[in-house]
PDB file of N, CA and C in Angstrom:
ATOM      1  N   UNK A   1      -5.251  13.930   5.981  1.00  0.00           N
ATOM      2  CA  UNK A   1      -3.845  13.099   5.787  1.00  0.00           C
ATOM      3  C   UNK A   1      -3.203  13.181   3.930  1.00  0.00           C
ATOM      4  N   UNK A   2      -1.673  12.730   4.580  1.00  0.00           N
ATOM      5  CA  UNK A   2      -1.615  13.790   3.086  1.00  0.00           C
ATOM      6  C   UNK A   2      -0.956  12.349   2.760  1.00  0.00           C
ATOM      7  N   UNK A   3      -0.218  12.270   1.487  1.00  0.00           N
ATOM      8  CA  UNK A   3      -0.078  11.193   0.804  1.00  0.00           C
ATOM      9  C   UNK A   3       1.692  10.636   1.566  1.00  0.00           C
ATOM     10  N   UNK A   4       2.446  11.381   2.571  1.00  0.00           N
ATOM     11  CA  UNK A   4       3.855  11.312   2.618  1.00  0.00           C
ATOM     12  C   UNK A   4       3.359  10.225   4.078  1.00  0.00           C
ATOM     13  N   UNK A   5       2.313  10.233   4.610  1.00  0.00           N
ATOM     14  CA  UNK A   5       1.448   9.700   5.359  1.00  0.00           C
ATOM     15  C   UNK A   5       1.036   8.337   5.159  1.00  0.00           C
ATOM     16  N   UNK A   6       0.364   8.323   4.848  1.00  0.00           N
ATOM     17  CA  UNK A   6      -0.273   7.170   4.414  1.00  0.00           C
ATOM     18  C   UNK A   6       1.189   6.452   3.523  1.00  0.00           C
ATOM     19  N   UNK A   7       1.858   6.766   2.988  1.00  0.00           N
ATOM     20  CA  UNK A   7       2.881   6.131   2.651  1.00  0.00           C
ATOM     21  C   UNK A   7       3.638   5.232   4.121  1.00  0.00           C
ATOM     22  N   UNK A   8       3.855   6.143   5.055  1.00  0.00           N
ATOM     23  CA  UNK A   8       4.540   5.818   6.115  1.00  0.00           C
ATOM     24  C   UNK A   8       3.599   3.731   6.550  1.00  0.00           C
ATOM     25  N   UNK A   9       2.231   4.700   6.195  1.00  0.00           N
ATOM     26  CA  UNK A   9       0.994   3.518   7.273  1.00  0.00           C
ATOM     27  C   UNK A   9       1.767   2.753   6.831  1.00  0.00           C
ATOM     28  N   UNK A  10       1.493   2.375   4.775  1.00  0.00           N
ATOM     29  CA  UNK A  10       1.785   1.317   4.119  1.00  0.00           C
ATOM     30  C   UNK A  10       3.295   0.416   4.688  1.00  0.00           C
ATOM     31  N   UNK A  11       4.253   0.874   4.534  1.00  0.00           N
ATOM     32  CA  UNK A  11       6.011   1.314   4.552  1.00  0.00           C
ATOM     33  C   UNK A  11       5.916   0.357   5.604  1.00  0.00           C
ATOM     34  N   UNK A  12       5.288   0.639   6.977  1.00  0.00           N
ATOM     35  CA  UNK A  12       5.364   0.884   8.176  1.00  0.00           C
ATOM     36  C   UNK A  12       4.519  -0.978   8.694  1.00  0.00           C
ATOM     37  N   UNK A  13       3.523  -1.116   7.945  1.00  0.00           N
ATOM     38  CA  UNK A  13       2.997  -2.282   8.370  1.00  0.00           C
ATOM     39  C   UNK A  13       3.048  -3.238   7.554  1.00  0.00           C
ATOM     40  N   UNK A  14       3.704  -3.425   6.285  1.00  0.00           N
ATOM     41  CA  UNK A  14       4.715  -4.349   5.297  1.00  0.00           C
ATOM     42  C   UNK A  14       5.882  -4.870   6.165  1.00  0.00           C
ATOM     43  N   UNK A  15       6.865  -3.618   6.770  1.00  0.00           N
ATOM     44  CA  UNK A  15       8.007  -4.365   6.803  1.00  0.00           C
ATOM     45  C   UNK A  15       7.901  -5.164   8.546  1.00  0.00           C
ATOM     46  N   UNK A  16       6.655  -4.225   9.224  1.00  0.00           N
ATOM     47  CA  UNK A  16       6.187  -5.015  10.279  1.00  0.00           C
ATOM     48  C   UNK A  16       5.841  -6.663  10.069  1.00  0.00           C
ATOM     49  N   UNK A  17       5.271  -6.629   9.150  1.00  0.00           N
ATOM     50  CA  UNK A  17       4.672  -8.857   9.501  1.00  0.00           C
ATOM     51  C   UNK A  17       6.032  -9.067   7.870  1.00  0.00           C
ATOM     52  N   UNK A  18       6.837  -8.427   7.201  1.00  0.00           N
ATOM     53  CA  UNK A  18       7.593  -9.256   5.986  1.00  0.00           C
ATOM     54  C   UNK A  18       8.506  -8.373   6.322  1.00  0.00           C
ATOM     55  N   UNK A  19       9.638  -8.729   7.599  1.00  0.00           N
ATOM     56  CA  UNK A  19      10.958  -7.627   7.937  1.00  0.00           C
ATOM     57  C   UNK A  19      11.928  -8.391   6.839  1.00  0.00           C
ATOM     58  N   UNK A  20      11.556  -9.773   6.145  1.00  0.00           N
ATOM     59  CA  UNK A  20      12.566 -10.161   5.013  1.00  0.00           C
ATOM     60  C   UNK A  20      12.502  -9.762   3.426  1.00  0.00           C
ATOM     61  N   UNK A  21      11.759  -9.063   3.252  1.00  0.00           N
ATOM     62  CA  UNK A  21      11.558  -8.469   2.212  1.00  0.00           C
ATOM     63  C   UNK A  21      11.896  -7.294   2.191  1.00  0.00           C
ATOM     64  N   UNK A  22      12.731  -6.570   0.845  1.00  0.00           N
ATOM     65  CA  UNK A  22      12.795  -5.158   0.914  1.00  0.00           C
ATOM     66  C   UNK A  22      11.682  -4.842   0.100  1.00  0.00           C
ATOM     67  N   UNK A  23      11.170  -3.394   0.837  1.00  0.00           N
ATOM     68  CA  UNK A  23      10.059  -2.239   0.170  1.00  0.00           C
ATOM     69  C   UNK A  23      11.388  -1.559  -1.150  1.00  0.00           C
ATOM     70  N   UNK A  24      10.785  -1.316  -2.224  1.00  0.00           N
ATOM     71  CA  UNK A  24      11.056  -0.862  -2.995  1.00  0.00           C
ATOM     72  C   UNK A  24      10.863  -0.240  -3.323  1.00  0.00           C
ATOM     73  N   UNK A  25       9.654   0.450  -3.623  1.00  0.00           N
ATOM     74  CA  UNK A  25       8.492   2.032  -3.382  1.00  0.00           C
ATOM     75  C   UNK A  25       7.734   1.739  -3.238  1.00  0.00           C
ATOM     76  N   UNK A  26       6.792   2.450  -2.490  1.00  0.00           N
ATOM     77  CA  UNK A  26       4.816   2.556  -1.472  1.00  0.00           C
ATOM     78  C   UNK A  26       4.967   4.187  -2.661  1.00  0.00           C
ATOM     79  N   UNK A  27       3.856   3.616  -3.955  1.00  0.00           N
ATOM     80  CA  UNK A  27       3.142   4.583  -4.817  1.00  0.00           C
ATOM     81  C   UNK A  27       1.788   4.999  -4.006  1.00  0.00           C
ATOM     82  N   UNK A  28       2.014   6.265  -3.943  1.00  0.00           N
ATOM     83  CA  UNK A  28       0.192   6.409  -3.408  1.00  0.00           C
ATOM     84  C   UNK A  28       0.030   7.795  -4.240  1.00  0.00           C
ATOM     85  N   UNK A  29      -0.993   7.344  -4.691  1.00  0.00           N
ATOM     86  CA  UNK A  29      -2.149   8.663  -5.763  1.00  0.00           C
ATOM     87  C   UNK A  29      -3.260   8.826  -5.004  1.00  0.00           C
ATOM     88  N   UNK A  30      -4.175   9.404  -4.678  1.00  0.00           N
ATOM     89  CA  UNK A  30      -5.709   9.848  -4.219  1.00  0.00           C
ATOM     90  C   UNK A  30      -5.620   9.985  -5.517  1.00  0.00           C
ATOM     91  N   UNK A  31      -7.306  10.049  -5.496  1.00  0.00           N
ATOM     92  CA  UNK A  31      -8.546   9.686  -6.774  1.00  0.00           C
ATOM     93  C   UNK A  31     -10.063   9.569  -5.929  1.00  0.00           C
ATOM     94  N   UNK A  32     -10.785   9.369  -7.099  1.00  0.00           N
ATOM     95  CA  UNK A  32     -12.363   8.687  -6.655  1.00  0.00           C
ATOM     96  C   UNK A  32     -12.790   7.473  -6.890  1.00  0.00           C
ATOM     97  N   UNK A  33     -13.515   7.198  -6.633  1.00  0.00           N
ATOM     98  CA  UNK A  33     -14.019   5.914  -7.034  1.00  0.00           C
ATOM     99  C   UNK A  33     -15.492   6.161  -8.107  1.00  0.00           C
ATOM    100  N   UNK A  34     -15.822   5.555  -8.535  1.00  0.00           N
ATOM    101  CA  UNK A  34     -17.038   5.382  -9.232  1.00  0.00           C
ATOM    102  C   UNK A  34     -18.578   5.674  -9.253  1.00  0.00           C
ATOM    103  N   UNK A  35     -18.700   6.774  -7.493  1.00  0.00           N
ATOM    104  CA  UNK A  35     -19.590   7.087  -6.846  1.00  0.00           C
ATOM    105  C   UNK A  35     -18.835   8.660  -6.542  1.00  0.00           C
ATOM    106  N   UNK A  36     -17.598   8.492  -6.798  1.00  0.00           N
ATOM    107  CA  UNK A  36     -17.088  10.326  -7.051  1.00  0.00           C
ATOM    108  C   UNK A  36     -16.813  10.521  -5.116  1.00  0.00           C
ATOM    109  N   UNK A  37     -16.576   9.159  -4.424  1.00  0.00           N
ATOM    110  CA  UNK A  37     -16.102   8.746  -3.163  1.00  0.00           C
ATOM    111  C   UNK A  37     -14.471   9.219  -3.515  1.00  0.00           C
ATOM    112  N   UNK A  38     -14.053   9.394  -1.965  1.00  0.00           N
ATOM    113  CA  UNK A  38     -12.658   9.814  -1.979  1.00  0.00           C
ATOM    114  C   UNK A  38     -12.105   8.699  -2.043  1.00  0.00           C
ATOM    115  N   UNK A  39     -10.686   8.507  -2.300  1.00  0.00           N
ATOM    116  CA  UNK A  39      -9.707   7.203  -2.590  1.00  0.00           C
ATOM    117  C   UNK A  39      -7.948   7.296  -2.553  1.00  0.00           C
ATOM    118  N   UNK A  40      -7.526   6.241  -2.321  1.00  0.00           N
ATOM    119  CA  UNK A  40      -6.093   6.590  -1.904  1.00  0.00           C
ATOM    120  C   UNK A  40      -5.491   5.398  -2.509  1.00  0.00           C
ATOM    121  N   UNK A  41      -4.878   5.061  -3.657  1.00  0.00           N
ATOM    122  CA  UNK A  41      -4.384   4.016  -4.445  1.00  0.00           C
ATOM    123  C   UNK A  41      -3.249   3.688  -4.178  1.00  0.00           C
ATOM    124  N   UNK A  42      -2.457   2.443  -3.405  1.00  0.00           N
ATOM    125  CA  UNK A  42      -1.481   2.784  -2.494  1.00  0.00           C
ATOM    126  C   UNK A  42      -0.928   1.375  -2.612  1.00  0.00           C
ATOM    127  N   UNK A  43       0.457   1.984  -3.878  1.00  0.00           N
ATOM    128  CA  UNK A  43       0.694   0.499  -4.597  1.00  0.00           C
ATOM    129  C   UNK A  43       2.155   0.592  -3.729  1.00  0.00           C
ATOM    130  N   UNK A  44       2.519  -1.172  -3.544  1.00  0.00           N
ATOM    131  CA  UNK A  44       4.070  -1.392  -2.179  1.00  0.00           C
ATOM    132  C   UNK A  44       4.066  -1.663  -3.515  1.00  0.00           C
ATOM    133  N   UNK A  45       5.571  -1.971  -4.035  1.00  0.00           N
ATOM    134  CA  UNK A  45       6.293  -2.286  -4.844  1.00  0.00           C
ATOM    135  C   UNK A  45       7.698  -2.972  -3.705  1.00  0.00           C
ATOM    136  N   UNK A  46       7.580  -4.910  -3.663  1.00  0.00           N
ATOM    137  CA  UNK A  46       8.452  -5.758  -2.979  1.00  0.00           C
ATOM    138  C   UNK A  46       9.559  -6.102  -4.154  1.00  0.00           C
ATOM    139  N   UNK A  47      10.778  -6.265  -2.868  1.00  0.00           N
ATOM    140  CA  UNK A  47      11.153  -7.207  -4.126  1.00  0.00           C
ATOM    141  C   UNK A  47      11.534  -8.829  -3.424  1.00  0.00           C
ATOM    142  N   UNK A  48      10.741  -9.700  -4.358  1.00  0.00           N
ATOM    143  CA  UNK A  48      10.429 -10.838  -3.492  1.00  0.00           C
ATOM    144  C   UNK A  48       9.493 -11.444  -4.920  1.00  0.00           C
ATOM    145  N   UNK A  49       9.274 -12.107  -3.552  1.00  0.00           N
ATOM    146  CA  UNK A  49       7.992 -13.298  -4.518  1.00  0.00           C
ATOM    147  C   UNK A  49       6.483 -13.317  -3.629  1.00  0.00           C
ATOM    148  N   UNK A  50       5.800 -13.735  -4.749  1.00  0.00           N
ATOM    149  CA  UNK A  50       4.539 -13.530  -4.644  1.00  0.00           C
ATOM    150  C   UNK A  50       3.882 -14.367  -3.235  1.00  0.00           C
ATOM    151  N   UNK A  51       4.939 -15.678  -3.638  1.00  0.00           N
ATOM    152  CA  UNK A  51       4.372 -16.952  -2.520  1.00  0.00           C
ATOM    153  C   UNK A  51       4.853 -16.055  -0.530  1.00  0.00           C
ATOM    154  N   UNK A  52       6.831 -15.375  -1.370  1.00  0.00           N
ATOM    155  CA  UNK A  52       7.013 -15.232   0.279  1.00  0.00           C
ATOM    156  C   UNK A  52       5.397 -14.572   1.197  1.00  0.00           C
ATOM    157  N   UNK A  53       4.085 -13.726  -0.227  1.00  0.00           N
ATOM    158  CA  UNK A  53       3.741 -12.796   1.371  1.00  0.00           C
ATOM    159  C   UNK A  53       2.635 -13.537   2.427  1.00  0.00           C
ATOM    160  N   UNK A  54       2.049 -14.298   1.570  1.00  0.00           N
ATOM    161  CA  UNK A  54       1.258 -15.543   2.683  1.00  0.00           C
ATOM    162  C   UNK A  54      -0.014 -14.848   3.166  1.00  0.00           C
ATOM    163  N   UNK A  55      -0.991 -15.916   2.766  1.00  0.00           N
ATOM    164  CA  UNK A  55      -2.306 -15.452   3.035  1.00  0.00           C
ATOM    165  C   UNK A  55      -2.879 -14.163   4.536  1.00  0.00           C
ATOM    166  N   UNK A  56      -2.281 -14.989   5.316  1.00  0.00           N
ATOM    167  CA  UNK A  56      -3.024 -14.203   6.845  1.00  0.00           C
ATOM    168  C   UNK A  56      -1.920 -13.148   7.007  1.00  0.00           C
ATOM    169  N   UNK A  57      -0.579 -12.916   6.512  1.00  0.00           N
ATOM    170  CA  UNK A  57      -0.017 -11.790   6.664  1.00  0.00           C
ATOM    171  C   UNK A  57       0.089 -11.047   6.192  1.00  0.00           C
ATOM    172  N   UNK A  58      -1.274 -11.079   4.336  1.00  0.00           N
ATOM    173  CA  UNK A  58      -1.209 -10.086   3.825  1.00  0.00           C
ATOM    174  C   UNK A  58      -2.184  -9.290   4.230  1.00  0.00           C
ATOM    175  N   UNK A  59      -3.387 -10.891   4.598  1.00  0.00           N
ATOM    176  CA  UNK A  59      -4.624  -9.647   5.219  1.00  0.00           C
ATOM    177  C   UNK A  59      -4.045  -8.651   6.439  1.00  0.00           C
ATOM    178  N   UNK A  60      -3.467  -9.265   7.072  1.00  0.00           N
ATOM    179  CA  UNK A  60      -3.177  -8.378   8.647  1.00  0.00           C
ATOM    180  C   UNK A  60      -2.659  -7.042   7.927  1.00  0.00           C
ATOM    181  N   UNK A  61      -1.902  -7.310   7.011  1.00  0.00           N
ATOM    182  CA  UNK A  61      -0.623  -6.038   5.798  1.00  0.00           C
ATOM    183  C   UNK A  61      -2.573  -5.011   5.845  1.00  0.00           C
ATOM    184  N   UNK A  62      -2.820  -5.317   5.322  1.00  0.00           N
ATOM    185  CA  UNK A  62      -4.037  -5.236   4.628  1.00  0.00           C
ATOM    186  C   UNK A  62      -4.907  -4.436   5.328  1.00  0.00           C
ATOM    187  N   UNK A  63      -4.587  -4.658   6.685  1.00  0.00           N
ATOM    188  CA  UNK A  63      -6.248  -5.064   7.782  1.00  0.00           C
ATOM    189  C   UNK A  63      -5.326  -3.524   8.484  1.00  0.00           C
ATOM    190  N   UNK A  64      -4.046  -3.609   8.717  1.00  0.00           N
ATOM    191  CA  UNK A  64      -4.057  -2.651   9.462  1.00  0.00           C
ATOM    192  C   UNK A  64      -3.453  -1.189   8.577  1.00  0.00           C
ATOM    193  N   UNK A  65      -3.189  -1.433   7.219  1.00  0.00           N
ATOM    194  CA  UNK A  65      -3.158   0.050   6.048  1.00  0.00           C
ATOM    195  C   UNK A  65      -5.031   0.889   6.299  1.00  0.00           C
ATOM    196  N   UNK A  66      -5.717   0.385   6.012  1.00  0.00           N
ATOM    197  CA  UNK A  66      -7.286   0.172   5.874  1.00  0.00           C
ATOM    198  C   UNK A  66      -7.474   1.098   7.119  1.00  0.00           C
ATOM    199  N   UNK A  67      -7.070   0.700   8.381  1.00  0.00           N
ATOM    200  CA  UNK A  67      -7.433   0.758   9.711  1.00  0.00           C
ATOM    201  C   UNK A  67      -6.650   1.686  10.089  1.00  0.00           C
ATOM    202  N   UNK A  68      -5.339   1.716  10.041  1.00  0.00           N
ATOM    203  CA  UNK A  68      -4.593   3.206  10.258  1.00  0.00           C
ATOM    204  C   UNK A  68      -5.348   4.613   9.301  1.00  0.00           C
ATOM    205  N   UNK A  69      -4.840   4.189   7.741  1.00  0.00           N
ATOM    206  CA  UNK A  69      -5.765   5.591   6.576  1.00  0.00           C
ATOM    207  C   UNK A  69      -7.251   6.167   6.905  1.00  0.00           C
ATOM    208  N   UNK A  70      -8.222   4.586   7.516  1.00  0.00           N
ATOM    209  CA  UNK A  70      -9.438   5.503   7.460  1.00  0.00           C
ATOM    210  C   UNK A  70      -9.482   6.854   9.178  1.00  0.00           C
ATOM    211  N   UNK A  71      -9.008   5.604  10.083  1.00  0.00           N
ATOM    212  CA  UNK A  71      -9.321   6.375  11.478  1.00  0.00           C
ATOM    213  C   UNK A  71      -8.236   7.230  11.269  1.00  0.00           C
ATOM    214  N   UNK A  72      -7.008   7.613  11.032  1.00  0.00           N
ATOM    215  CA  UNK A  72      -6.387   9.116  11.332  1.00  0.00           C
ATOM    216  C   UNK A  72      -6.754   9.946  10.310  1.00  0.00           C
ATOM    217  N   UNK A  73      -7.064   9.513   9.295  1.00  0.00           N
ATOM    218  CA  UNK A  73      -8.138  10.895   8.233  1.00  0.00           C
ATOM    219  C   UNK A  73      -9.035  11.393   8.542  1.00  0.00           C
ATOM    220  N   UNK A  74      -9.102  12.436   9.456  1.00  0.00           N
ATOM    221  CA  UNK A  74     -10.265  12.695   9.943  1.00  0.00           C
ATOM    222  C   UNK A  74     -11.042  13.372  10.033  1.00  0.00           C
ATOM    223  N   UNK A  75     -10.063  14.628   8.787  1.00  0.00           N
ATOM    224  CA  UNK A  75     -10.993  15.677   8.895  1.00  0.00           C
ATOM    225  C   UNK A  75     -11.228  15.307   6.973  1.00  0.00           C
ATOM    226  N   UNK A  76     -10.711  14.151   6.318  1.00  0.00           N
ATOM    227  CA  UNK A  76     -11.110  14.154   4.696  1.00  0.00           C
ATOM    228  C   UNK A  76     -11.039  12.123   4.755  1.00  0.00           C
ATOM    229  N   UNK A  77     -11.499  12.152   5.315  1.00  0.00           N
ATOM    230  CA  UNK A  77     -11.480  10.049   5.483  1.00  0.00           C
ATOM    231  C   UNK A  77     -11.833   9.828   3.970  1.00  0.00           C
ATOM    232  N   UNK A  78     -10.830   9.164   3.680  1.00  0.00           N
ATOM    233  CA  UNK A  78     -10.726   8.085   1.979  1.00  0.00           C
ATOM    234  C   UNK A  78     -10.538   6.981   2.503  1.00  0.00           C
ATOM    235  N   UNK A  79     -10.616   6.181   1.193  1.00  0.00           N
ATOM    236  CA  UNK A  79     -10.357   4.525   1.385  1.00  0.00           C
ATOM    237  C   UNK A  79      -9.519   3.645   0.629  1.00  0.00           C
ATOM    238  N   UNK A  80      -8.747   3.702   1.580  1.00  0.00           N
ATOM    239  CA  UNK A  80      -6.952   3.534   0.343  1.00  0.00           C
ATOM    240  C   UNK A  80      -7.976   2.040  -0.431  1.00  0.00           C
ATOM    241  N   UNK A  81      -6.752   2.097  -1.557  1.00  0.00           N
ATOM    242  CA  UNK A  81      -7.341   0.915  -2.049  1.00  0.00           C
ATOM    243  C   UNK A  81      -5.724   0.237  -2.308  1.00  0.00           C
ATOM    244  N   UNK A  82      -5.310  -1.088  -1.824  1.00  0.00           N
ATOM    245  CA  UNK A  82      -4.265  -1.697  -1.766  1.00  0.00           C
ATOM    246  C   UNK A  82      -3.795  -2.455  -2.506  1.00  0.00           C
ATOM    247  N   UNK A  83      -2.695  -2.506  -2.993  1.00  0.00           N
ATOM    248  CA  UNK A  83      -2.065  -2.773  -4.502  1.00  0.00           C
ATOM    249  C   UNK A  83      -0.241  -3.697  -3.354  1.00  0.00           C
ATOM    250  N   UNK A  84      -0.110  -5.398  -3.632  1.00  0.00           N
ATOM    251  CA  UNK A  84       1.029  -5.731  -3.644  1.00  0.00           C
ATOM    252  C   UNK A  84       1.929  -5.892  -4.852  1.00  0.00           C
ATOM    253  N   UNK A  85       3.261  -5.077  -4.830  1.00  0.00           N
ATOM    254  CA  UNK A  85       3.439  -5.847  -6.899  1.00  0.00           C
ATOM    255  C   UNK A  85       4.811  -5.873  -6.318  1.00  0.00           C
ATOM    256  N   UNK A  86       4.848  -7.986  -6.595  1.00  0.00           N
ATOM    257  CA  UNK A  86       6.604  -7.904  -7.065  1.00  0.00           C
ATOM    258  C   UNK A  86       7.400  -7.113  -7.756  1.00  0.00           C
ATOM    259  N   UNK A  87       8.251  -6.936  -7.814  1.00  0.00           N
ATOM    260  CA  UNK A  87       9.465  -6.490  -8.277  1.00  0.00           C
ATOM    261  C   UNK A  87       9.389  -6.844  -9.801  1.00  0.00           C
ATOM    262  N   UNK A  88       9.424  -8.258  -9.372  1.00  0.00           N
ATOM    263  CA  UNK A  88       9.766  -9.022 -10.937  1.00  0.00           C
ATOM    264  C   UNK A  88       9.099  -9.182 -12.006  1.00  0.00           C
ATOM    265  N   UNK A  89       7.025  -8.471 -11.543  1.00  0.00           N
ATOM    266  CA  UNK A  89       6.100  -7.950 -12.149  1.00  0.00           C
ATOM    267  C   UNK A  89       6.052  -6.696 -12.869  1.00  0.00           C
ATOM    268  N   UNK A  90       6.864  -6.050 -12.553  1.00  0.00           N
ATOM    269  CA  UNK A  90       6.642  -4.470 -13.548  1.00  0.00           C
ATOM    270  C   UNK A  90       8.391  -4.725 -14.637  1.00  0.00           C
ATOM    271  N   UNK A  91       9.014  -5.597 -14.429  1.00  0.00           N
ATOM    272  CA  UNK A  91       9.838  -5.353 -15.610  1.00  0.00           C
ATOM    273  C   UNK A  91      11.070  -4.430 -15.459  1.00  0.00           C
ATOM    274  N   UNK A  92      10.762  -3.871 -16.308  1.00  0.00           N
ATOM    275  CA  UNK A  92      12.300  -2.863 -16.442  1.00  0.00           C
ATOM    276  C   UNK A  92      11.389  -1.782 -16.535  1.00  0.00           C
ATOM    277  N   UNK A  93       9.960  -1.715 -16.093  1.00  0.00           N
ATOM    278  CA  UNK A  93       9.556   0.306 -15.182  1.00  0.00           C
ATOM    279  C   UNK A  93       9.973   0.466 -13.928  1.00  0.00           C
ATOM    280  N   UNK A  94      10.045   1.774 -14.165  1.00  0.00           N
ATOM    281  CA  UNK A  94      10.654   2.364 -13.012  1.00  0.00           C
ATOM    282  C   UNK A  94       9.327   1.929 -11.307  1.00  0.00           C
ATOM    283  N   UNK A  95       9.684   1.802 -10.976  1.00  0.00           N
ATOM    284  CA  UNK A  95       9.294   1.004  -9.930  1.00  0.00           C
ATOM    285  C   UNK A  95       8.042   2.340  -9.047  1.00  0.00           C
ATOM    286  N   UNK A  96       9.214   3.562  -9.145  1.00  0.00           N
ATOM    287  CA  UNK A  96       7.827   4.390  -9.021  1.00  0.00           C
ATOM    288  C   UNK A  96       6.998   5.472  -9.609  1.00  0.00           C
ATOM    289  N   UNK A  97       6.828   4.626 -10.537  1.00  0.00           N
ATOM    290  CA  UNK A  97       5.942   5.180 -12.017  1.00  0.00           C
ATOM    291  C   UNK A  97       4.948   4.040 -11.936  1.00  0.00           C
ATOM    292  N   UNK A  98       5.161   2.941 -11.089  1.00  0.00           N
ATOM    293  CA  UNK A  98       3.991   1.499 -11.199  1.00  0.00           C
ATOM    294  C   UNK A  98       2.583   2.241 -10.814  1.00  0.00           C
TER     295      UNK A  98
END
């Protein structure tokens, strides 16, 4: 599974649950955990407030991302570490570099 596929999964899952919140950027960066197992950091930068996400909604998005990335990465399974970051929390930094 490549970075673009992970990005599309994350963005689609977020938009399906929070269609009224704009996705500014979905940043995907492969890496390894402290056991040297492959993982992928997925940071969804959105233009809204933390309060808009709500507990159950964000848990469903997280679950969908983890499930799809894990299931579709047949030849090289990776565990996604998923983060949701409000654009207002990054200040003037470029969302693509967070």
